[in-house]
PDB file of N, CA and C in Angstrom:
ATOM      1  N   MET A   1       0.856  -1.186   0.055  1.00  0.00           N
ATOM      2  CA  MET A   1       0.015  -0.054   0.057  1.00  0.00           C
ATOM      3  C   MET A   1       0.879   1.264  -0.003  1.00  0.00           C
ATOM      4  N   THR A   2       0.592   2.228  -0.848  1.00  0.00           N
ATOM      5  CA  THR A   2       1.304   3.435  -0.949  1.00  0.00           C
ATOM      6  C   THR A   2       0.328   4.625  -0.696  1.00  0.00           C
ATOM      7  N   VAL A   3       0.693   5.546   0.183  1.00  0.00           N
ATOM      8  CA  VAL A   3      -0.177   6.663   0.529  1.00  0.00           C
ATOM      9  C   VAL A   3       0.526   7.811  -0.151  1.00  0.00           C
ATOM     10  N   THR A   4      -0.206   8.496  -1.120  1.00  0.00           N
ATOM     11  CA  THR A   4       0.332   9.710  -1.760  1.00  0.00           C
ATOM     12  C   THR A   4      -0.876  10.621  -1.830  1.00  0.00           C
ATOM     13  N   PRO A   5      -1.117  11.524  -0.855  1.00  0.00           N
ATOM     14  CA  PRO A   5      -2.346  12.303  -0.899  1.00  0.00           C
ATOM     15  C   PRO A   5      -2.507  12.954  -2.260  1.00  0.00           C
ATOM     16  N   PRO A   6      -3.725  12.883  -2.726  1.00  0.00           N
ATOM     17  CA  PRO A   6      -5.038  12.484  -2.004  1.00  0.00           C
ATOM     18  C   PRO A   6      -5.297  11.034  -2.226  1.00  0.00           C
ATOM     19  N   ALA A   7      -4.426  10.177  -2.674  1.00  0.00           N
ATOM     20  CA  ALA A   7      -4.800   8.903  -3.065  1.00  0.00           C
ATOM     21  C   ALA A   7      -4.072   7.812  -2.219  1.00  0.00           C
ATOM     22  N   LEU A   8      -4.569   6.529  -2.241  1.00  0.00           N
ATOM     23  CA  LEU A   8      -4.020   5.436  -1.742  1.00  0.00           C
ATOM     24  C   LEU A   8      -3.911   4.349  -2.779  1.00  0.00           C
ATOM     25  N   MET A   9      -2.741   3.951  -3.012  1.00  0.00           N
ATOM     26  CA  MET A   9      -2.536   2.806  -4.071  1.00  0.00           C
ATOM     27  C   MET A   9      -2.429   1.564  -3.288  1.00  0.00           C
ATOM     28  N   VAL A  10      -3.364   0.579  -3.522  1.00  0.00           N
ATOM     29  CA  VAL A  10      -3.322  -0.672  -2.940  1.00  0.00           C
ATOM     30  C   VAL A  10      -2.771  -1.707  -3.934  1.00  0.00           C
ATOM     31  N   ARG A  11      -1.816  -2.487  -3.495  1.00  0.00           N
ATOM     32  CA  ARG A  11      -1.136  -3.435  -4.366  1.00  0.00           C
ATOM     33  C   ARG A  11      -1.253  -4.907  -3.851  1.00  0.00           C
ATOM     34  N   ASN A  12      -1.477  -5.800  -4.711  1.00  0.00           N
ATOM     35  CA  ASN A  12      -1.444  -7.212  -4.354  1.00  0.00           C
ATOM     36  C   ASN A  12       0.032  -7.559  -4.077  1.00  0.00           C
ATOM     37  N   PRO A  13       0.308  -7.986  -2.898  1.00  0.00           N
ATOM     38  CA  PRO A  13       1.730  -8.322  -2.567  1.00  0.00           C
ATOM     39  C   PRO A  13       2.229  -9.522  -3.381  1.00  0.00           C
ATOM     40  N   GLY A  14       1.322 -10.308  -4.071  1.00  0.00           N
ATOM     41  CA  GLY A  14       1.780 -11.292  -4.997  1.00  0.00           C
ATOM     42  C   GLY A  14       2.095 -10.850  -6.377  1.00  0.00           C
ATOM     43  N   ALA A  15       2.050  -9.500  -6.568  1.00  0.00           N
ATOM     44  CA  ALA A  15       2.272  -9.017  -7.882  1.00  0.00           C
ATOM     45  C   ALA A  15       3.261  -7.749  -7.856  1.00  0.00           C
ATOM     46  N   ASP A  16       4.039  -7.634  -8.851  1.00  0.00           N
ATOM     47  CA  ASP A  16       4.851  -6.413  -8.910  1.00  0.00           C
ATOM     48  C   ASP A  16       4.048  -5.249  -9.493  1.00  0.00           C
ATOM     49  N   ALA A  17       4.312  -4.063  -9.044  1.00  0.00           N
ATOM     50  CA  ALA A  17       3.597  -2.879  -9.475  1.00  0.00           C
ATOM     51  C   ALA A  17       4.278  -2.485 -10.734  1.00  0.00           C
ATOM     52  N   THR A  18       3.753  -2.883 -11.834  1.00  0.00           N
ATOM     53  CA  THR A  18       4.383  -2.524 -13.186  1.00  0.00           C
ATOM     54  C   THR A  18       3.173  -1.995 -14.028  1.00  0.00           C
ATOM     55  N   PRO A  19       3.386  -1.418 -15.154  1.00  0.00           N
ATOM     56  CA  PRO A  19       2.276  -1.076 -16.029  1.00  0.00           C
ATOM     57  C   PRO A  19       1.357  -2.298 -16.286  1.00  0.00           C
ATOM     58  N   THR A  20       1.949  -3.393 -16.390  1.00  0.00           N
ATOM     59  CA  THR A  20       1.105  -4.580 -16.701  1.00  0.00           C
ATOM     60  C   THR A  20       0.264  -4.938 -15.505  1.00  0.00           C
ATOM     61  N   THR A  21       0.658  -4.894 -14.301  1.00  0.00           N
ATOM     62  CA  THR A  21      -0.185  -5.267 -13.093  1.00  0.00           C
ATOM     63  C   THR A  21      -1.193  -4.170 -12.914  1.00  0.00           C
ATOM     64  N   VAL A  22      -0.809  -2.901 -13.145  1.00  0.00           N
ATOM     65  CA  VAL A  22      -1.691  -1.846 -12.976  1.00  0.00           C
ATOM     66  C   VAL A  22      -2.887  -1.967 -14.038  1.00  0.00           C
ATOM     67  N   GLY A  23      -2.471  -2.378 -15.174  1.00  0.00           N
ATOM     68  CA  GLY A  23      -3.497  -2.567 -16.259  1.00  0.00           C
ATOM     69  C   GLY A  23      -4.398  -3.780 -15.966  1.00  0.00           C
ATOM     70  N   ASN A  24      -3.928  -4.829 -15.316  1.00  0.00           N
ATOM     71  CA  ASN A  24      -4.696  -5.963 -15.190  1.00  0.00           C
ATOM     72  C   ASN A  24      -5.465  -6.028 -13.840  1.00  0.00           C
ATOM     73  N   GLY A  25      -5.429  -4.891 -13.090  1.00  0.00           N
ATOM     74  CA  GLY A  25      -6.263  -4.899 -11.843  1.00  0.00           C
ATOM     75  C   GLY A  25      -5.539  -5.337 -10.598  1.00  0.00           C
ATOM     76  N   LEU A  26      -4.305  -5.620 -10.624  1.00  0.00           N
ATOM     77  CA  LEU A  26      -3.502  -6.043  -9.459  1.00  0.00           C
ATOM     78  C   LEU A  26      -3.095  -4.791  -8.646  1.00  0.00           C
ATOM     79  N   VAL A  27      -3.251  -3.707  -9.168  1.00  0.00           N
ATOM     80  CA  VAL A  27      -2.997  -2.420  -8.333  1.00  0.00           C
ATOM     81  C   VAL A  27      -4.155  -1.505  -8.532  1.00  0.00           C
ATOM     82  N   GLN A  28      -4.707  -1.000  -7.446  1.00  0.00           N
ATOM     83  CA  GLN A  28      -5.973  -0.200  -7.560  1.00  0.00           C
ATOM     84  C   GLN A  28      -5.800   1.099  -6.820  1.00  0.00           C
ATOM     85  N   GLU A  29      -6.273   2.269  -7.323  1.00  0.00           N
ATOM     86  CA  GLU A  29      -6.233   3.478  -6.600  1.00  0.00           C
ATOM     87  C   GLU A  29      -7.506   3.674  -5.850  1.00  0.00           C
ATOM     88  N   VAL A  30      -7.452   4.039  -4.542  1.00  0.00           N
ATOM     89  CA  VAL A  30      -8.622   4.307  -3.803  1.00  0.00           C
ATOM     90  C   VAL A  30      -8.464   5.618  -3.145  1.00  0.00           C
ATOM     91  N   ARG A  31      -9.521   6.419  -3.035  1.00  0.00           N
ATOM     92  CA  ARG A  31      -9.482   7.676  -2.312  1.00  0.00           C
ATOM     93  C   ARG A  31     -10.613   7.931  -1.381  1.00  0.00           C
ATOM     94  N   LEU A  32     -10.250   8.776  -0.338  1.00  0.00           N
ATOM     95  CA  LEU A  32     -11.419   9.254   0.547  1.00  0.00           C
ATOM     96  C   LEU A  32     -11.864  10.516  -0.106  1.00  0.00           C
ATOM     97  N   ARG A  33     -13.168  10.615  -0.171  1.00  0.00           N
ATOM     98  CA  ARG A  33     -13.881  11.797  -0.663  1.00  0.00           C
ATOM     99  C   ARG A  33     -15.091  12.207   0.065  1.00  0.00           C
ATOM    100  N   GLY A  34     -15.376  13.328   0.025  1.00  0.00           N
ATOM    101  CA  GLY A  34     -16.589  13.887   0.698  1.00  0.00           C
ATOM    102  C   GLY A  34     -17.788  13.491  -0.264  1.00  0.00           C
ATOM    103  N   ASP A  35     -18.864  13.081   0.476  1.00  0.00           N
ATOM    104  CA  ASP A  35     -20.161  12.755  -0.247  1.00  0.00           C
ATOM    105  C   ASP A  35     -21.198  13.089   0.762  1.00  0.00           C
ATOM    106  N   ALA A  36     -22.123  14.086   0.444  1.00  0.00           N
ATOM    107  CA  ALA A  36     -23.241  14.436   1.187  1.00  0.00           C
ATOM    108  C   ALA A  36     -22.806  14.689   2.692  1.00  0.00           C
ATOM    109  N   GLY A  37     -21.677  15.372   2.888  1.00  0.00           N
ATOM    110  CA  GLY A  37     -21.271  15.778   4.215  1.00  0.00           C
ATOM    111  C   GLY A  37     -20.475  14.682   4.936  1.00  0.00           C
ATOM    112  N   ARG A  38     -20.142  13.544   4.383  1.00  0.00           N
ATOM    113  CA  ARG A  38     -19.393  12.584   5.067  1.00  0.00           C
ATOM    114  C   ARG A  38     -18.282  11.930   4.201  1.00  0.00           C
ATOM    115  N   LEU A  39     -17.361  11.429   4.813  1.00  0.00           N
ATOM    116  CA  LEU A  39     -16.148  10.852   3.924  1.00  0.00           C
ATOM    117  C   LEU A  39     -16.604   9.417   3.602  1.00  0.00           C
ATOM    118  N   VAL A  40     -16.258   9.063   2.363  1.00  0.00           N
ATOM    119  CA  VAL A  40     -16.437   7.665   1.817  1.00  0.00           C
ATOM    120  C   VAL A  40     -15.231   7.309   1.069  1.00  0.00           C
ATOM    121  N   TRP A  41     -14.974   5.965   1.100  1.00  0.00           N
ATOM    122  CA  TRP A  41     -13.829   5.403   0.274  1.00  0.00           C
ATOM    123  C   TRP A  41     -14.427   5.239  -1.156  1.00  0.00           C
ATOM    124  N   CYS A  42     -13.523   5.560  -2.145  1.00  0.00           N
ATOM    125  CA  CYS A  42     -13.989   5.461  -3.470  1.00  0.00           C
ATOM    126  C   CYS A  42     -12.928   4.766  -4.365  1.00  0.00           C
ATOM    127  N   TRP A  43     -13.490   3.976  -5.279  1.00  0.00           N
ATOM    128  CA  TRP A  43     -12.563   3.430  -6.271  1.00  0.00           C
ATOM    129  C   TRP A  43     -12.242   4.545  -7.278  1.00  0.00           C
ATOM    130  N   VAL A  44     -11.078   4.433  -7.835  1.00  0.00           N
ATOM    131  CA  VAL A  44     -10.767   5.500  -8.915  1.00  0.00           C
ATOM    132  C   VAL A  44     -10.512   4.603 -10.208  1.00  0.00           C
ATOM    133  N   TRP A  45     -11.345   4.652 -11.175  1.00  0.00           N
ATOM    134  CA  TRP A  45     -11.261   3.923 -12.382  1.00  0.00           C
ATOM    135  C   TRP A  45     -10.717   4.847 -13.479  1.00  0.00           C
ATOM    136  N   PRO A  46      -9.476   4.606 -14.036  1.00  0.00           N
ATOM    137  CA  PRO A  46      -8.984   5.485 -15.057  1.00  0.00           C
ATOM    138  C   PRO A  46      -9.867   5.633 -16.317  1.00  0.00           C
ATOM    139  N   GLY A  47      -9.871   6.896 -16.892  1.00  0.00           N
ATOM    140  CA  GLY A  47     -10.653   7.138 -18.123  1.00  0.00           C
ATOM    141  C   GLY A  47     -10.061   6.385 -19.172  1.00  0.00           C
ATOM    142  N   LEU A  48     -10.899   5.914 -20.037  1.00  0.00           N
ATOM    143  CA  LEU A  48     -10.497   5.135 -21.197  1.00  0.00           C
ATOM    144  C   LEU A  48      -9.723   6.037 -22.163  1.00  0.00           C
ATOM    145  N   ARG A  49      -8.739   5.547 -22.822  1.00  0.00           N
ATOM    146  CA  ARG A  49      -7.853   6.266 -23.704  1.00  0.00           C
ATOM    147  C   ARG A  49      -8.733   6.502 -25.035  1.00  0.00           C
ATOM    148  N   PRO A  50      -8.685   7.751 -25.435  1.00  0.00           N
ATOM    149  CA  PRO A  50      -9.496   8.070 -26.681  1.00  0.00           C
ATOM    150  C   PRO A  50      -8.901   7.272 -27.901  1.00  0.00           C
ATOM    151  N   ALA A  51      -9.756   7.208 -28.898  1.00  0.00           N
ATOM    152  CA  ALA A  51      -9.368   6.507 -30.131  1.00  0.00           C
ATOM    153  C   ALA A  51      -8.258   7.348 -30.860  1.00  0.00           C
ATOM    154  N   ARG A  52      -8.463   8.617 -30.889  1.00  0.00           N
ATOM    155  CA  ARG A  52      -7.474   9.392 -31.467  1.00  0.00           C
ATOM    156  C   ARG A  52      -6.424   9.883 -30.559  1.00  0.00           C
ATOM    157  N   ARG A  53      -5.134   9.830 -30.882  1.00  0.00           N
ATOM    158  CA  ARG A  53      -4.074  10.186 -30.052  1.00  0.00           C
ATOM    159  C   ARG A  53      -4.030  11.633 -29.518  1.00  0.00           C
ATOM    160  N   ASP A  54      -4.607  12.566 -30.364  1.00  0.00           N
ATOM    161  CA  ASP A  54      -4.588  13.957 -29.958  1.00  0.00           C
ATOM    162  C   ASP A  54      -5.785  14.355 -28.996  1.00  0.00           C
ATOM    163  N   ASP A  55      -6.709  13.451 -28.866  1.00  0.00           N
ATOM    164  CA  ASP A  55      -7.853  13.797 -27.938  1.00  0.00           C
ATOM    165  C   ASP A  55      -7.402  13.640 -26.503  1.00  0.00           C
ATOM    166  N   PRO A  56      -7.899  14.469 -25.594  1.00  0.00           N
ATOM    167  CA  PRO A  56      -7.521  14.375 -24.172  1.00  0.00           C
ATOM    168  C   PRO A  56      -8.054  13.181 -23.529  1.00  0.00           C
ATOM    169  N   ILE A  57      -7.336  12.580 -22.607  1.00  0.00           N
ATOM    170  CA  ILE A  57      -7.710  11.483 -21.797  1.00  0.00           C
ATOM    171  C   ILE A  57      -8.797  11.980 -20.773  1.00  0.00           C
ATOM    172  N   PRO A  58     -10.011  11.322 -20.697  1.00  0.00           N
ATOM    173  CA  PRO A  58     -11.018  11.878 -19.829  1.00  0.00           C
ATOM    174  C   PRO A  58     -10.531  11.674 -18.400  1.00  0.00           C
ATOM    175  N   PRO A  59     -11.111  12.438 -17.482  1.00  0.00           N
ATOM    176  CA  PRO A  59     -10.873  12.253 -16.046  1.00  0.00           C
ATOM    177  C   PRO A  59     -11.292  10.927 -15.534  1.00  0.00           C
ATOM    178  N   PRO A  60     -10.731  10.413 -14.482  1.00  0.00           N
ATOM    179  CA  PRO A  60     -11.080   9.079 -13.968  1.00  0.00           C
ATOM    180  C   PRO A  60     -12.578   9.117 -13.444  1.00  0.00           C
ATOM    181  N   GLU A  61     -13.121   7.909 -13.414  1.00  0.00           N
ATOM    182  CA  GLU A  61     -14.457   7.719 -12.855  1.00  0.00           C
ATOM    183  C   GLU A  61     -14.249   7.465 -11.372  1.00  0.00           C
ATOM    184  N   ILE A  62     -15.098   8.006 -10.548  1.00  0.00           N
ATOM    185  CA  ILE A  62     -14.995   7.857  -9.107  1.00  0.00           C
ATOM    186  C   ILE A  62     -16.307   7.074  -8.698  1.00  0.00           C
ATOM    187  N   GLU A  63     -16.127   5.961  -7.934  1.00  0.00           N
ATOM    188  CA  GLU A  63     -17.153   5.079  -7.618  1.00  0.00           C
ATOM    189  C   GLU A  63     -17.069   4.826  -6.069  1.00  0.00           C
ATOM    190  N   PRO A  64     -18.075   5.153  -5.317  1.00  0.00           N
ATOM    191  CA  PRO A  64     -18.102   4.971  -3.857  1.00  0.00           C
ATOM    192  C   PRO A  64     -17.985   3.477  -3.572  1.00  0.00           C
ATOM    193  N   ILE A  65     -17.197   3.173  -2.482  1.00  0.00           N
ATOM    194  CA  ILE A  65     -17.128   1.774  -1.935  1.00  0.00           C
ATOM    195  C   ILE A  65     -17.945   1.861  -0.673  1.00  0.00           C
ATOM    196  N   GLY A  66     -17.778   2.662   0.255  1.00  0.00           N
ATOM    197  CA  GLY A  66     -18.385   2.640   1.570  1.00  0.00           C
ATOM    198  C   GLY A  66     -17.969   3.688   2.466  1.00  0.00           C
ATOM    199  N   PRO A  67     -18.519   3.909   3.619  1.00  0.00           N
ATOM    200  CA  PRO A  67     -18.204   4.889   4.461  1.00  0.00           C
ATOM    201  C   PRO A  67     -16.737   4.805   5.051  1.00  0.00           C
ATOM    202  N   ALA A  68     -16.107   5.903   5.326  1.00  0.00           N
ATOM    203  CA  ALA A  68     -14.749   5.912   5.791  1.00  0.00           C
ATOM    204  C   ALA A  68     -14.603   5.097   7.030  1.00  0.00           C
ATOM    205  N   GLU A  69     -15.570   5.087   7.944  1.00  0.00           N
ATOM    206  CA  GLU A  69     -15.370   4.331   9.160  1.00  0.00           C
ATOM    207  C   GLU A  69     -15.379   2.861   9.014  1.00  0.00           C
ATOM    208  N   ASP A  70     -15.893   2.369   7.933  1.00  0.00           N
ATOM    209  CA  ASP A  70     -16.011   0.925   7.634  1.00  0.00           C
ATOM    210  C   ASP A  70     -14.771   0.445   6.958  1.00  0.00           C
ATOM    211  N   ILE A  71     -13.670   0.470   7.674  1.00  0.00           N
ATOM    212  CA  ILE A  71     -12.391   0.112   7.052  1.00  0.00           C
ATOM    213  C   ILE A  71     -12.294  -1.416   6.804  1.00  0.00           C
ATOM    214  N   ALA A  72     -12.778  -2.230   7.729  1.00  0.00           N
ATOM    215  CA  ALA A  72     -12.713  -3.676   7.425  1.00  0.00           C
ATOM    216  C   ALA A  72     -13.446  -4.080   6.263  1.00  0.00           C
ATOM    217  N   GLU A  73     -14.686  -3.646   6.037  1.00  0.00           N
ATOM    218  CA  GLU A  73     -15.443  -4.047   4.841  1.00  0.00           C
ATOM    219  C   GLU A  73     -14.776  -3.471   3.599  1.00  0.00           C
ATOM    220  N   THR A  74     -14.243  -2.233   3.676  1.00  0.00           N
ATOM    221  CA  THR A  74     -13.622  -1.592   2.529  1.00  0.00           C
ATOM    222  C   THR A  74     -12.364  -2.476   2.120  1.00  0.00           C
ATOM    223  N   ALA A  75     -11.622  -2.780   3.163  1.00  0.00           N
ATOM    224  CA  ALA A  75     -10.367  -3.689   2.905  1.00  0.00           C
ATOM    225  C   ALA A  75     -10.749  -4.898   2.307  1.00  0.00           C
ATOM    226  N   ARG A  76     -11.828  -5.616   2.778  1.00  0.00           N
ATOM    227  CA  ARG A  76     -12.293  -6.842   2.240  1.00  0.00           C
ATOM    228  C   ARG A  76     -12.571  -6.804   0.730  1.00  0.00           C
ATOM    229  N   LEU A  77     -13.350  -5.721   0.408  1.00  0.00           N
ATOM    230  CA  LEU A  77     -13.789  -5.432  -1.005  1.00  0.00           C
ATOM    231  C   LEU A  77     -12.606  -5.156  -1.899  1.00  0.00           C
ATOM    232  N   ILE A  78     -11.618  -4.385  -1.427  1.00  0.00           N
ATOM    233  CA  ILE A  78     -10.385  -4.092  -2.150  1.00  0.00           C
ATOM    234  C   ILE A  78      -9.648  -5.405  -2.365  1.00  0.00           C
ATOM    235  N   ALA A  79      -9.465  -6.223  -1.310  1.00  0.00           N
ATOM    236  CA  ALA A  79      -8.781  -7.476  -1.382  1.00  0.00           C
ATOM    237  C   ALA A  79      -9.361  -8.446  -2.536  1.00  0.00           C
ATOM    238  N   LYS A  80     -10.706  -8.391  -2.587  1.00  0.00           N
ATOM    239  CA  LYS A  80     -11.450  -9.151  -3.449  1.00  0.00           C
ATOM    240  C   LYS A  80     -11.141  -8.851  -4.988  1.00  0.00           C
ATOM    241  N   VAL A  81     -10.994  -7.427  -5.127  1.00  0.00           N
ATOM    242  CA  VAL A  81     -10.701  -6.878  -6.429  1.00  0.00           C
ATOM    243  C   VAL A  81      -9.338  -7.224  -6.982  1.00  0.00           C
ATOM    244  N   ILE A  82      -8.343  -7.089  -6.037  1.00  0.00           N
ATOM    245  CA  ILE A  82      -6.912  -7.185  -6.441  1.00  0.00           C
ATOM    246  C   ILE A  82      -6.347  -8.601  -6.211  1.00  0.00           C
ATOM    247  N   ARG A  83      -7.146  -9.656  -6.057  1.00  0.00           N
ATOM    248  CA  ARG A  83      -6.595 -10.931  -5.717  1.00  0.00           C
ATOM    249  C   ARG A  83      -6.064 -11.584  -7.052  1.00  0.00           C
ATOM    250  N   ILE A  84      -5.234 -12.577  -6.778  1.00  0.00           N
ATOM    251  CA  ILE A  84      -4.839 -13.442  -7.904  1.00  0.00           C
ATOM    252  C   ILE A  84      -5.467 -14.799  -7.657  1.00  0.00           C
ATOM    253  N   ASP A  85      -6.298 -15.265  -8.574  1.00  0.00           N
ATOM    254  CA  ASP A  85      -6.921 -16.616  -8.390  1.00  0.00           C
ATOM    255  C   ASP A  85      -5.857 -17.677  -8.748  1.00  0.00           C
ATOM    256  N   ASP A  86      -6.045 -18.764  -7.937  1.00  0.00           N
ATOM    257  CA  ASP A  86      -5.197 -19.904  -8.255  1.00  0.00           C
ATOM    258  C   ASP A  86      -5.785 -20.653  -9.309  1.00  0.00           C
ATOM    259  N   PRO A  87      -5.234 -20.854 -10.533  1.00  0.00           N
ATOM    260  CA  PRO A  87      -5.870 -21.557 -11.536  1.00  0.00           C
ATOM    261  C   PRO A  87      -6.249 -22.969 -11.253  1.00  0.00           C
ATOM    262  N   THR A  88      -5.642 -23.537 -10.248  1.00  0.00           N
ATOM    263  CA  THR A  88      -5.953 -25.022  -9.865  1.00  0.00           C
ATOM    264  C   THR A  88      -7.137 -25.119  -8.957  1.00  0.00           C
ATOM    265  N   VAL A  89      -7.577 -23.977  -8.417  1.00  0.00           N
ATOM    266  CA  VAL A  89      -8.711 -24.002  -7.467  1.00  0.00           C
ATOM    267  C   VAL A  89     -10.014 -23.668  -8.208  1.00  0.00           C
ATOM    268  N   THR A  90     -11.050 -24.441  -7.972  1.00  0.00           N
ATOM    269  CA  THR A  90     -12.395 -24.210  -8.488  1.00  0.00           C
ATOM    270  C   THR A  90     -13.031 -23.138  -7.607  1.00  0.00           C
ATOM    271  N   PRO A  91     -13.591 -22.064  -8.239  1.00  0.00           N
ATOM    272  CA  PRO A  91     -14.207 -21.087  -7.496  1.00  0.00           C
ATOM    273  C   PRO A  91     -15.556 -21.600  -6.817  1.00  0.00           C
ATOM    274  N   ARG A  92     -15.808 -21.136  -5.623  1.00  0.00           N
ATOM    275  CA  ARG A  92     -17.040 -21.506  -4.920  1.00  0.00           C
ATOM    276  C   ARG A  92     -18.272 -20.531  -5.183  1.00  0.00           C
TER     277      ARG A  92
END
């Protein structure tokens, strides 16, 4: 985990933080943001690159995860997103 205000970068310890792992979801940016007078954890999803090289990259999409005080549930959801599945294990 790397904290660089205003963001928190969460990394799967089983993966190196490279452009490849960032692109495949093994590294995820999470931010605390104000929403209706309270702080909430939010996913930061990068904007899609435009088809034409000269067009600007759109701003990231911000999606709420949950209230700031619910750290355990937020950590569980983050871990679920940045996990590496064992290809030999059948999902339940």
